[in-house]
Amino acid sequence: MVCVGQQVYVRTWYRRDNGWFGRVLDSRRARIRVPGLEVDVAVEDVGGDKAELRAAVDAAYRAKYERHGGTTVDRMETDEAAATTLQLIPDQGADSGDHLS
C-alpha cells in the first residue's frame, strides 16, 4: 500500500481472478490492517486511469520500496502491475470478510 496525497492505493504483480485480489474485485470491499489501524474500505479499480495517476503511484512505490532493490520496485511499475491499481476509500459502514494486510 502507498499514499499519493491523501489517497491510498494498492497493487499486485498481475491481475487475477483468485486470491485476495479476485475477492476484492468481486466485492469492492476489504478490511486493511496496518500497525495501529484496522479499517473497512471501499475499493475502486483505477488501473485503467490516466497516466499522471499511474506516474504518481509508481513514484510512491519506488520511494517506499526501493531499499529492497530495483527488481522488486521494477515489478510494481510494469504495465501489468499498474493495471491492478486499486484505490482504498475508508468506509465505516462496510462489514467485510476480505482482508489486506
Protein backbone atom coordinates (compact mmCIF):
# COMPACT_ATOMS: atom_id res chain seq x y z
CA MET A 1 0.00 0.00 0.00
CA VAL A 2 1.15 3.51 -0.78
CA CYS A 3 -0.22 7.02 -0.35
CA VAL A 4 -0.46 9.66 -3.04
CA GLY A 5 -1.63 12.85 -1.40
CA GLN A 6 -4.45 11.82 0.91
CA GLN A 7 -5.40 8.76 -1.18
CA VAL A 8 -4.32 5.15 -0.53
CA TYR A 9 -3.53 2.69 -3.33
CA VAL A 10 -2.54 -0.95 -3.53
CA ARG A 11 -1.23 -3.09 -6.41
CA THR A 12 -0.29 -6.66 -7.01
CA TRP A 13 2.13 -8.17 -9.53
CA TYR A 14 -0.59 -9.08 -12.03
CA ARG A 15 -4.36 -9.03 -12.48
CA ARG A 16 -6.06 -12.27 -11.47
CA ASP A 17 -9.48 -13.57 -10.52
CA ASN A 18 -8.39 -15.57 -7.47
CA GLY A 19 -6.82 -14.83 -4.08
CA TRP A 20 -7.37 -11.57 -2.28
CA PHE A 21 -7.31 -9.55 -5.50
CA GLY A 22 -10.13 -11.51 -7.13
CA ARG A 23 -12.27 -11.41 -3.97
CA VAL A 24 -11.79 -7.66 -3.65
CA LEU A 25 -12.72 -7.09 -7.30
CA ASP A 26 -15.91 -9.09 -6.77
CA SER A 27 -16.98 -7.46 -3.51
CA ARG A 28 -15.45 -3.97 -3.94
CA ARG A 29 -14.84 -4.02 -0.18
CA ALA A 30 -11.94 -5.03 2.04
CA ARG A 31 -10.51 -4.57 5.51
CA ILE A 32 -6.96 -3.33 5.86
CA ARG A 33 -4.76 -3.84 8.86
CA VAL A 34 -1.61 -1.88 9.48
CA PRO A 35 0.07 -1.20 12.83
CA GLY A 36 -2.33 0.88 14.89
CA LEU A 37 -5.19 0.80 12.38
CA GLU A 38 -7.83 -1.59 11.15
CA VAL A 39 -10.43 -0.13 8.82
CA ASP A 40 -13.05 -1.26 6.34
CA VAL A 41 -12.63 0.23 2.89
CA ALA A 42 -14.50 0.51 -0.35
CA VAL A 43 -12.34 -0.45 -3.32
CA GLU A 44 -12.25 1.31 -6.66
CA ASP A 45 -10.42 -0.23 -9.62
CA VAL A 46 -8.33 2.62 -11.03
CA GLY A 47 -5.84 0.52 -13.01
CA GLY A 48 -7.00 2.00 -16.30
CA ASP A 49 -6.92 5.62 -15.12
CA LYS A 50 -4.82 8.42 -16.54
CA ALA A 51 -1.06 8.43 -16.93
CA GLU A 52 -0.48 11.04 -14.23
CA LEU A 53 -2.13 8.84 -11.56
CA ARG A 54 -0.03 5.90 -12.70
CA ALA A 55 3.15 8.00 -12.54
CA ALA A 56 2.30 9.22 -9.03
CA VAL A 57 1.57 5.69 -7.77
CA ASP A 58 4.74 4.38 -9.47
CA ALA A 59 6.77 7.09 -7.71
CA ALA A 60 5.17 6.27 -4.35
CA TYR A 61 6.04 2.57 -4.75
CA ARG A 62 9.61 3.47 -5.74
CA ALA A 63 10.03 5.77 -2.72
CA LYS A 64 8.62 3.21 -0.30
CA TYR A 65 10.24 0.03 -1.62
CA GLU A 66 13.46 0.98 -3.45
CA ARG A 67 15.51 -0.09 -0.42
CA HIS A 68 14.50 -3.68 -1.28
CA GLY A 69 16.28 -3.48 -4.63
CA GLY A 70 15.43 -2.49 -8.14
CA THR A 71 13.88 -5.82 -9.13
CA THR A 72 11.11 -5.53 -6.54
CA VAL A 73 10.24 -1.96 -7.48
CA ASP A 74 10.59 -2.62 -11.21
CA ARG A 75 7.96 -5.39 -10.96
CA MET A 76 5.50 -2.99 -9.29
CA GLU A 77 5.92 -0.46 -12.12
CA THR A 78 5.18 -2.75 -15.07
CA ASP A 79 2.11 -2.22 -17.26
CA GLU A 80 0.68 -5.46 -15.85
CA ALA A 81 1.10 -4.32 -12.23
CA ALA A 82 -0.17 -0.79 -12.94
CA ALA A 83 -3.36 -2.32 -14.37
CA THR A 84 -4.06 -3.80 -10.91
CA THR A 85 -4.06 -0.45 -9.09
CA LEU A 86 -6.88 -0.20 -6.57
CA GLN A 87 -7.86 2.87 -4.57
CA LEU A 88 -8.84 2.18 -0.96
CA ILE A 89 -11.51 4.52 0.37
CA PRO A 90 -12.42 4.46 4.10
CA ASP A 91 -15.91 3.05 4.52
CA GLN A 92 -17.10 2.99 8.11
CA GLY A 93 -20.28 1.11 7.17
CA ALA A 94 -18.61 -1.87 5.46
CA ASP A 95 -18.62 -5.30 7.06
CA SER A 96 -16.04 -7.21 5.08
CA GLY A 97 -14.50 -10.60 5.43
CA ASP A 98 -11.76 -9.78 2.93
CA HIS A 99 -8.51 -8.64 4.45
CA LEU A 100 -5.48 -6.88 3.06
CA SER A 101 -2.52 -6.82 5.38
